[in-house]
């Protein structure tokens, strides 16, 4: 994961989900 998100100009975290429940935990805008 850090290989990519450590270059935030190109790779951005779009969403995060919990593995235990599959529930959405975070979302971000990714438009450039």
ModelCIF file with pLDDT and N, C-alpha, C, O atoms, coordinates in Angstrom:
data_MODEL
#
_entry.id   MODEL 
#
_entity.id                         1 
_entity.type                       polymer 
_entity.pdbx_number_of_molecules   1 
#
_entity_poly.entity_id                      1 
_entity_poly.type                           'polypeptide(L)' 
_entity_poly.nstd_linkage                   no 
_entity_poly.nstd_monomer                   no 
_entity_poly.pdbx_seq_one_letter_code       
;(UNK)(UNK)(UNK)(UNK)(UNK)(UNK)(UNK)(UNK)(UNK)(UNK)(UNK)(UNK)(UNK)(UNK)(UNK)(UNK)
(UNK)(UNK)(UNK)(UNK)(UNK)(UNK)(UNK)(UNK)(UNK)(UNK)(UNK)(UNK)(UNK)(UNK)(UNK)(UNK)
;
_entity_poly.pdbx_seq_one_letter_code_can   XXXXXXXXXXXXXXXXXXXXXXXXXXXXXXXX 
_entity_poly.pdbx_strand_id                 A 
#
loop_
_entity_poly_seq.entity_id 
_entity_poly_seq.num 
_entity_poly_seq.mon_id 
_entity_poly_seq.hetero 
1 1  UNK n 
1 2  UNK n 
1 3  UNK n 
1 4  UNK n 
1 5  UNK n 
1 6  UNK n 
1 7  UNK n 
1 8  UNK n 
1 9  UNK n 
1 10 UNK n 
1 11 UNK n 
1 12 UNK n 
1 13 UNK n 
1 14 UNK n 
1 15 UNK n 
1 16 UNK n 
1 17 UNK n 
1 18 UNK n 
1 19 UNK n 
1 20 UNK n 
1 21 UNK n 
1 22 UNK n 
1 23 UNK n 
1 24 UNK n 
1 25 UNK n 
1 26 UNK n 
1 27 UNK n 
1 28 UNK n 
1 29 UNK n 
1 30 UNK n 
1 31 UNK n 
1 32 UNK n 
#
_struct_asym.id          A 
_struct_asym.entity_id   1 
#
loop_
_ma_qa_metric.id 
_ma_qa_metric.mode 
_ma_qa_metric.name 
_ma_qa_metric.software_group_id 
_ma_qa_metric.type 
1 global pLDDT . pLDDT 
2 local  pLDDT . pLDDT 
#
_ma_qa_metric_global.metric_id      1 
_ma_qa_metric_global.metric_value   93.81 
_ma_qa_metric_global.model_id       1 
_ma_qa_metric_global.ordinal_id     1 
#
loop_
_ma_qa_metric_local.label_asym_id 
_ma_qa_metric_local.label_comp_id 
_ma_qa_metric_local.label_seq_id 
_ma_qa_metric_local.metric_id 
_ma_qa_metric_local.metric_value 
_ma_qa_metric_local.model_id 
_ma_qa_metric_local.ordinal_id 
A UNK 1  2 98.00 1 1  
A UNK 2  2 98.00 1 2  
A UNK 3  2 98.00 1 3  
A UNK 4  2 98.00 1 4  
A UNK 5  2 98.00 1 5  
A UNK 6  2 98.00 1 6  
A UNK 7  2 95.00 1 7  
A UNK 8  2 94.00 1 8  
A UNK 9  2 89.00 1 9  
A UNK 10 2 90.00 1 10 
A UNK 11 2 94.00 1 11 
A UNK 12 2 94.00 1 12 
A UNK 13 2 96.00 1 13 
A UNK 14 2 95.00 1 14 
A UNK 15 2 97.00 1 15 
A UNK 16 2 98.00 1 16 
A UNK 17 2 98.00 1 17 
A UNK 18 2 98.00 1 18 
A UNK 19 2 97.00 1 19 
A UNK 20 2 95.00 1 20 
A UNK 21 2 96.00 1 21 
A UNK 22 2 97.00 1 22 
A UNK 23 2 98.00 1 23 
A UNK 24 2 98.00 1 24 
A UNK 25 2 98.00 1 25 
A UNK 26 2 98.00 1 26 
A UNK 27 2 98.00 1 27 
A UNK 28 2 95.00 1 28 
A UNK 29 2 92.00 1 29 
A UNK 30 2 84.00 1 30 
A UNK 31 2 70.00 1 31 
A UNK 32 2 60.00 1 32 
#
loop_
_atom_site.group_PDB 
_atom_site.id 
_atom_site.type_symbol 
_atom_site.label_atom_id 
_atom_site.label_alt_id 
_atom_site.label_comp_id 
_atom_site.label_asym_id 
_atom_site.label_entity_id 
_atom_site.label_seq_id 
_atom_site.pdbx_PDB_ins_code 
_atom_site.Cartn_x 
_atom_site.Cartn_y 
_atom_site.Cartn_z 
_atom_site.occupancy 
_atom_site.B_iso_or_equiv 
_atom_site.pdbx_formal_charge 
_atom_site.auth_seq_id 
_atom_site.auth_comp_id 
_atom_site.auth_asym_id 
_atom_site.auth_atom_id 
_atom_site.pdbx_PDB_model_num 
ATOM 1   N N  . UNK A 1 1  ? 0.828   -1.206 0.000   1.00 98.00 ? 1  UNK A N  1 
ATOM 2   C CA . UNK A 1 1  ? 0.000   0.000  0.000   1.00 98.00 ? 1  UNK A CA 1 
ATOM 3   C C  . UNK A 1 1  ? 0.861   1.254  0.000   1.00 98.00 ? 1  UNK A C  1 
ATOM 4   O O  . UNK A 1 1  ? 0.587   2.200  -0.738  1.00 98.00 ? 1  UNK A O  1 
ATOM 5   N N  . UNK A 1 2  ? 1.910   1.262  0.835   1.00 98.00 ? 2  UNK A N  1 
ATOM 6   C CA . UNK A 1 2  ? 2.763   2.439  0.948   1.00 98.00 ? 2  UNK A CA 1 
ATOM 7   C C  . UNK A 1 2  ? 3.561   2.716  -0.318  1.00 98.00 ? 2  UNK A C  1 
ATOM 8   O O  . UNK A 1 2  ? 3.937   3.859  -0.579  1.00 98.00 ? 2  UNK A O  1 
ATOM 9   N N  . UNK A 1 3  ? 3.822   1.670  -1.108  1.00 98.00 ? 3  UNK A N  1 
ATOM 10  C CA . UNK A 1 3  ? 4.494   1.887  -2.397  1.00 98.00 ? 3  UNK A CA 1 
ATOM 11  C C  . UNK A 1 3  ? 3.742   2.925  -3.220  1.00 98.00 ? 3  UNK A C  1 
ATOM 12  O O  . UNK A 1 3  ? 4.343   3.785  -3.864  1.00 98.00 ? 3  UNK A O  1 
ATOM 13  N N  . UNK A 1 4  ? 2.414   2.828  -3.186  1.00 98.00 ? 4  UNK A N  1 
ATOM 14  C CA . UNK A 1 4  ? 1.597   3.694  -4.036  1.00 98.00 ? 4  UNK A CA 1 
ATOM 15  C C  . UNK A 1 4  ? 1.180   4.982  -3.337  1.00 98.00 ? 4  UNK A C  1 
ATOM 16  O O  . UNK A 1 4  ? 1.389   6.065  -3.883  1.00 98.00 ? 4  UNK A O  1 
ATOM 17  N N  . UNK A 1 5  ? 0.598   4.894  -2.148  1.00 98.00 ? 5  UNK A N  1 
ATOM 18  C CA . UNK A 1 5  ? 0.043   6.110  -1.548  1.00 98.00 ? 5  UNK A CA 1 
ATOM 19  C C  . UNK A 1 5  ? 1.131   7.054  -1.050  1.00 98.00 ? 5  UNK A C  1 
ATOM 20  O O  . UNK A 1 5  ? 0.842   8.198  -0.702  1.00 98.00 ? 5  UNK A O  1 
ATOM 21  N N  . UNK A 1 6  ? 2.385   6.586  -1.011  1.00 98.00 ? 6  UNK A N  1 
ATOM 22  C CA . UNK A 1 6  ? 3.493   7.483  -0.706  1.00 98.00 ? 6  UNK A CA 1 
ATOM 23  C C  . UNK A 1 6  ? 3.799   8.436  -1.846  1.00 98.00 ? 6  UNK A C  1 
ATOM 24  O O  . UNK A 1 6  ? 4.618   9.342  -1.694  1.00 98.00 ? 6  UNK A O  1 
ATOM 25  N N  . UNK A 1 7  ? 3.138   8.238  -3.011  1.00 95.00 ? 7  UNK A N  1 
ATOM 26  C CA . UNK A 1 7  ? 3.241   9.152  -4.159  1.00 95.00 ? 7  UNK A CA 1 
ATOM 27  C C  . UNK A 1 7  ? 1.867   9.782  -4.372  1.00 95.00 ? 7  UNK A C  1 
ATOM 28  O O  . UNK A 1 7  ? 1.167   9.422  -5.318  1.00 95.00 ? 7  UNK A O  1 
ATOM 29  N N  . UNK A 1 8  ? 1.469   10.723 -3.504  1.00 94.00 ? 8  UNK A N  1 
ATOM 30  C CA . UNK A 1 8  ? 0.091   11.226 -3.503  1.00 94.00 ? 8  UNK A CA 1 
ATOM 31  C C  . UNK A 1 8  ? -0.280  12.076 -4.706  1.00 94.00 ? 8  UNK A C  1 
ATOM 32  O O  . UNK A 1 8  ? -1.461  12.362 -4.907  1.00 94.00 ? 8  UNK A O  1 
ATOM 33  N N  . UNK A 1 9  ? 0.691   12.488 -5.511  1.00 89.00 ? 9  UNK A N  1 
ATOM 34  C CA . UNK A 1 9  ? 0.356   13.235 -6.704  1.00 89.00 ? 9  UNK A CA 1 
ATOM 35  C C  . UNK A 1 9  ? -0.296  12.370 -7.761  1.00 89.00 ? 9  UNK A C  1 
ATOM 36  O O  . UNK A 1 9  ? -1.006  12.870 -8.634  1.00 89.00 ? 9  UNK A O  1 
ATOM 37  N N  . UNK A 1 10 ? -0.052  11.059 -7.683  1.00 90.00 ? 10 UNK A N  1 
ATOM 38  C CA . UNK A 1 10 ? -0.608  10.152 -8.688  1.00 90.00 ? 10 UNK A CA 1 
ATOM 39  C C  . UNK A 1 10 ? -1.588  9.146  -8.095  1.00 90.00 ? 10 UNK A C  1 
ATOM 40  O O  . UNK A 1 10 ? -2.613  8.851  -8.710  1.00 90.00 ? 10 UNK A O  1 
ATOM 41  N N  . UNK A 1 11 ? -1.294  8.621  -6.920  1.00 94.00 ? 11 UNK A N  1 
ATOM 42  C CA . UNK A 1 11 ? -2.126  7.582  -6.314  1.00 94.00 ? 11 UNK A CA 1 
ATOM 43  C C  . UNK A 1 11 ? -2.840  8.162  -5.090  1.00 94.00 ? 11 UNK A C  1 
ATOM 44  O O  . UNK A 1 11 ? -2.204  8.729  -4.202  1.00 94.00 ? 11 UNK A O  1 
ATOM 45  N N  . UNK A 1 12 ? -4.162  8.015  -5.053  1.00 94.00 ? 12 UNK A N  1 
ATOM 46  C CA . UNK A 1 12 ? -4.934  8.585  -3.950  1.00 94.00 ? 12 UNK A CA 1 
ATOM 47  C C  . UNK A 1 12 ? -5.855  7.521  -3.352  1.00 94.00 ? 12 UNK A C  1 
ATOM 48  O O  . UNK A 1 12 ? -6.397  6.677  -4.065  1.00 94.00 ? 12 UNK A O  1 
ATOM 49  N N  . UNK A 1 13 ? -6.019  7.578  -2.041  1.00 96.00 ? 13 UNK A N  1 
ATOM 50  C CA . UNK A 1 13 ? -6.934  6.664  -1.367  1.00 96.00 ? 13 UNK A CA 1 
ATOM 51  C C  . UNK A 1 13 ? -8.362  7.097  -1.684  1.00 96.00 ? 13 UNK A C  1 
ATOM 52  O O  . UNK A 1 13 ? -8.771  8.213  -1.362  1.00 96.00 ? 13 UNK A O  1 
ATOM 53  N N  . UNK A 1 14 ? -9.101  6.213  -2.308  1.00 95.00 ? 14 UNK A N  1 
ATOM 54  C CA . UNK A 1 14 ? -10.475 6.509  -2.704  1.00 95.00 ? 14 UNK A CA 1 
ATOM 55  C C  . UNK A 1 14 ? -11.466 6.139  -1.610  1.00 95.00 ? 14 UNK A C  1 
ATOM 56  O O  . UNK A 1 14 ? -12.432 6.865  -1.374  1.00 95.00 ? 14 UNK A O  1 
ATOM 57  N N  . UNK A 1 15 ? -11.230 5.001  -0.934  1.00 97.00 ? 15 UNK A N  1 
ATOM 58  C CA . UNK A 1 15 ? -12.135 4.579  0.132   1.00 97.00 ? 15 UNK A CA 1 
ATOM 59  C C  . UNK A 1 15 ? -11.431 3.581  1.038   1.00 97.00 ? 15 UNK A C  1 
ATOM 60  O O  . UNK A 1 15 ? -10.418 2.991  0.664   1.00 97.00 ? 15 UNK A O  1 
ATOM 61  N N  . UNK A 1 16 ? -11.986 3.400  2.244   1.00 98.00 ? 16 UNK A N  1 
ATOM 62  C CA . UNK A 1 16 ? -11.481 2.433  3.221   1.00 98.00 ? 16 UNK A CA 1 
ATOM 63  C C  . UNK A 1 16 ? -12.680 1.659  3.762   1.00 98.00 ? 16 UNK A C  1 
ATOM 64  O O  . UNK A 1 16 ? -13.694 2.257  4.121   1.00 98.00 ? 16 UNK A O  1 
ATOM 65  N N  . UNK A 1 17 ? -12.567 0.336  3.821   1.00 98.00 ? 17 UNK A N  1 
ATOM 66  C CA . UNK A 1 17 ? -13.640 -0.495 4.362   1.00 98.00 ? 17 UNK A CA 1 
ATOM 67  C C  . UNK A 1 17 ? -13.102 -1.403 5.462   1.00 98.00 ? 17 UNK A C  1 
ATOM 68  O O  . UNK A 1 17 ? -11.928 -1.772 5.459   1.00 98.00 ? 17 UNK A O  1 
ATOM 69  N N  . UNK A 1 18 ? -13.975 -1.758 6.401   1.00 98.00 ? 18 UNK A N  1 
ATOM 70  C CA . UNK A 1 18 ? -13.602 -2.648 7.501   1.00 98.00 ? 18 UNK A CA 1 
ATOM 71  C C  . UNK A 1 18 ? -13.622 -4.092 7.020   1.00 98.00 ? 18 UNK A C  1 
ATOM 72  O O  . UNK A 1 18 ? -14.601 -4.530 6.415   1.00 98.00 ? 18 UNK A O  1 
ATOM 73  N N  . UNK A 1 19 ? -12.555 -4.834 7.284   1.00 97.00 ? 19 UNK A N  1 
ATOM 74  C CA . UNK A 1 19 ? -12.500 -6.235 6.883   1.00 97.00 ? 19 UNK A CA 1 
ATOM 75  C C  . UNK A 1 19 ? -13.460 -7.089 7.697   1.00 97.00 ? 19 UNK A C  1 
ATOM 76  O O  . UNK A 1 19 ? -13.964 -8.095 7.196   1.00 97.00 ? 19 UNK A O  1 
ATOM 77  N N  . UNK A 1 20 ? -13.721 -6.707 8.944   1.00 95.00 ? 20 UNK A N  1 
ATOM 78  C CA . UNK A 1 20 ? -14.568 -7.520 9.811   1.00 95.00 ? 20 UNK A CA 1 
ATOM 79  C C  . UNK A 1 20 ? -16.028 -7.512 9.379   1.00 95.00 ? 20 UNK A C  1 
ATOM 80  O O  . UNK A 1 20 ? -16.721 -8.518 9.527   1.00 95.00 ? 20 UNK A O  1 
ATOM 81  N N  . UNK A 1 21 ? -16.503 -6.387 8.845   1.00 96.00 ? 21 UNK A N  1 
ATOM 82  C CA . UNK A 1 21 ? -17.915 -6.258 8.491   1.00 96.00 ? 21 UNK A CA 1 
ATOM 83  C C  . UNK A 1 21 ? -18.164 -5.898 7.030   1.00 96.00 ? 21 UNK A C  1 
ATOM 84  O O  . UNK A 1 21 ? -19.281 -6.049 6.535   1.00 96.00 ? 21 UNK A O  1 
ATOM 85  N N  . UNK A 1 22 ? -17.122 -5.421 6.332   1.00 97.00 ? 22 UNK A N  1 
ATOM 86  C CA . UNK A 1 22 ? -17.306 -4.940 4.964   1.00 97.00 ? 22 UNK A CA 1 
ATOM 87  C C  . UNK A 1 22 ? -17.905 -3.549 4.888   1.00 97.00 ? 22 UNK A C  1 
ATOM 88  O O  . UNK A 1 22 ? -18.171 -3.045 3.797   1.00 97.00 ? 22 UNK A O  1 
ATOM 89  N N  . UNK A 1 23 ? -18.122 -2.920 6.043   1.00 98.00 ? 23 UNK A N  1 
ATOM 90  C CA . UNK A 1 23 ? -18.754 -1.608 6.065   1.00 98.00 ? 23 UNK A CA 1 
ATOM 91  C C  . UNK A 1 23 ? -17.779 -0.529 5.613   1.00 98.00 ? 23 UNK A C  1 
ATOM 92  O O  . UNK A 1 23 ? -16.581 -0.606 5.882   1.00 98.00 ? 23 UNK A O  1 
ATOM 93  N N  . UNK A 1 24 ? -18.307 0.471  4.927   1.00 98.00 ? 24 UNK A N  1 
ATOM 94  C CA . UNK A 1 24 ? -17.495 1.594  4.471   1.00 98.00 ? 24 UNK A CA 1 
ATOM 95  C C  . UNK A 1 24 ? -17.099 2.450  5.665   1.00 98.00 ? 24 UNK A C  1 
ATOM 96  O O  . UNK A 1 24 ? -17.935 2.776  6.508   1.00 98.00 ? 24 UNK A O  1 
ATOM 97  N N  . UNK A 1 25 ? -15.812 2.817  5.734   1.00 98.00 ? 25 UNK A N  1 
ATOM 98  C CA . UNK A 1 25 ? -15.311 3.620  6.843   1.00 98.00 ? 25 UNK A CA 1 
ATOM 99  C C  . UNK A 1 25 ? -14.912 5.020  6.448   1.00 98.00 ? 25 UNK A C  1 
ATOM 100 O O  . UNK A 1 25 ? -14.990 5.943  7.259   1.00 98.00 ? 25 UNK A O  1 
ATOM 101 N N  . UNK A 1 26 ? -14.478 5.191  5.191   1.00 98.00 ? 26 UNK A N  1 
ATOM 102 C CA . UNK A 1 26 ? -14.048 6.511  4.737   1.00 98.00 ? 26 UNK A CA 1 
ATOM 103 C C  . UNK A 1 26 ? -14.141 6.589  3.221   1.00 98.00 ? 26 UNK A C  1 
ATOM 104 O O  . UNK A 1 26 ? -13.938 5.593  2.526   1.00 98.00 ? 26 UNK A O  1 
ATOM 105 N N  . UNK A 1 27 ? -14.446 7.765  2.718   1.00 98.00 ? 27 UNK A N  1 
ATOM 106 C CA . UNK A 1 27 ? -14.426 8.042  1.282   1.00 98.00 ? 27 UNK A CA 1 
ATOM 107 C C  . UNK A 1 27 ? -13.815 9.422  1.078   1.00 98.00 ? 27 UNK A C  1 
ATOM 108 O O  . UNK A 1 27 ? -13.953 10.306 1.923   1.00 98.00 ? 27 UNK A O  1 
ATOM 109 N N  . UNK A 1 28 ? -13.143 9.593  -0.043  1.00 95.00 ? 28 UNK A N  1 
ATOM 110 C CA . UNK A 1 28 ? -12.547 10.894 -0.338  1.00 95.00 ? 28 UNK A CA 1 
ATOM 111 C C  . UNK A 1 28 ? -12.837 11.280 -1.776  1.00 95.00 ? 28 UNK A C  1 
ATOM 112 O O  . UNK A 1 28 ? -13.116 10.429 -2.621  1.00 95.00 ? 28 UNK A O  1 
ATOM 113 N N  . UNK A 1 29 ? -12.767 12.573 -2.039  1.00 92.00 ? 29 UNK A N  1 
ATOM 114 C CA . UNK A 1 29 ? -12.874 13.035 -3.421  1.00 92.00 ? 29 UNK A CA 1 
ATOM 115 C C  . UNK A 1 29 ? -11.531 12.794 -4.093  1.00 92.00 ? 29 UNK A C  1 
ATOM 116 O O  . UNK A 1 29 ? -10.480 13.043 -3.502  1.00 92.00 ? 29 UNK A O  1 
ATOM 117 N N  . UNK A 1 30 ? -11.566 12.310 -5.324  1.00 84.00 ? 30 UNK A N  1 
ATOM 118 C CA . UNK A 1 30 ? -10.329 11.958 -6.026  1.00 84.00 ? 30 UNK A CA 1 
ATOM 119 C C  . UNK A 1 30 ? -10.181 12.726 -7.337  1.00 84.00 ? 30 UNK A C  1 
ATOM 120 O O  . UNK A 1 30 ? -9.302  12.411 -8.139  1.00 84.00 ? 30 UNK A O  1 
ATOM 121 N N  . UNK A 1 31 ? -11.022 13.720 -7.561  1.00 70.00 ? 31 UNK A N  1 
ATOM 122 C CA . UNK A 1 31 ? -10.969 14.455 -8.822  1.00 70.00 ? 31 UNK A CA 1 
ATOM 123 C C  . UNK A 1 31 ? -9.723  15.340 -8.869  1.00 70.00 ? 31 UNK A C  1 
ATOM 124 O O  . UNK A 1 31 ? -9.365  15.993 -7.889  1.00 70.00 ? 31 UNK A O  1 
ATOM 125 N N  . UNK A 1 32 ? -9.074  15.344 -10.037 1.00 60.00 ? 32 UNK A N  1 
ATOM 126 C CA . UNK A 1 32 ? -7.957  16.274 -10.260 1.00 60.00 ? 32 UNK A CA 1 
ATOM 127 C C  . UNK A 1 32 ? -8.337  17.185 -11.415 1.00 60.00 ? 32 UNK A C  1 
ATOM 128 O O  . UNK A 1 32 ? -7.557  18.058 -11.795 1.00 60.00 ? 32 UNK A O  1 
#
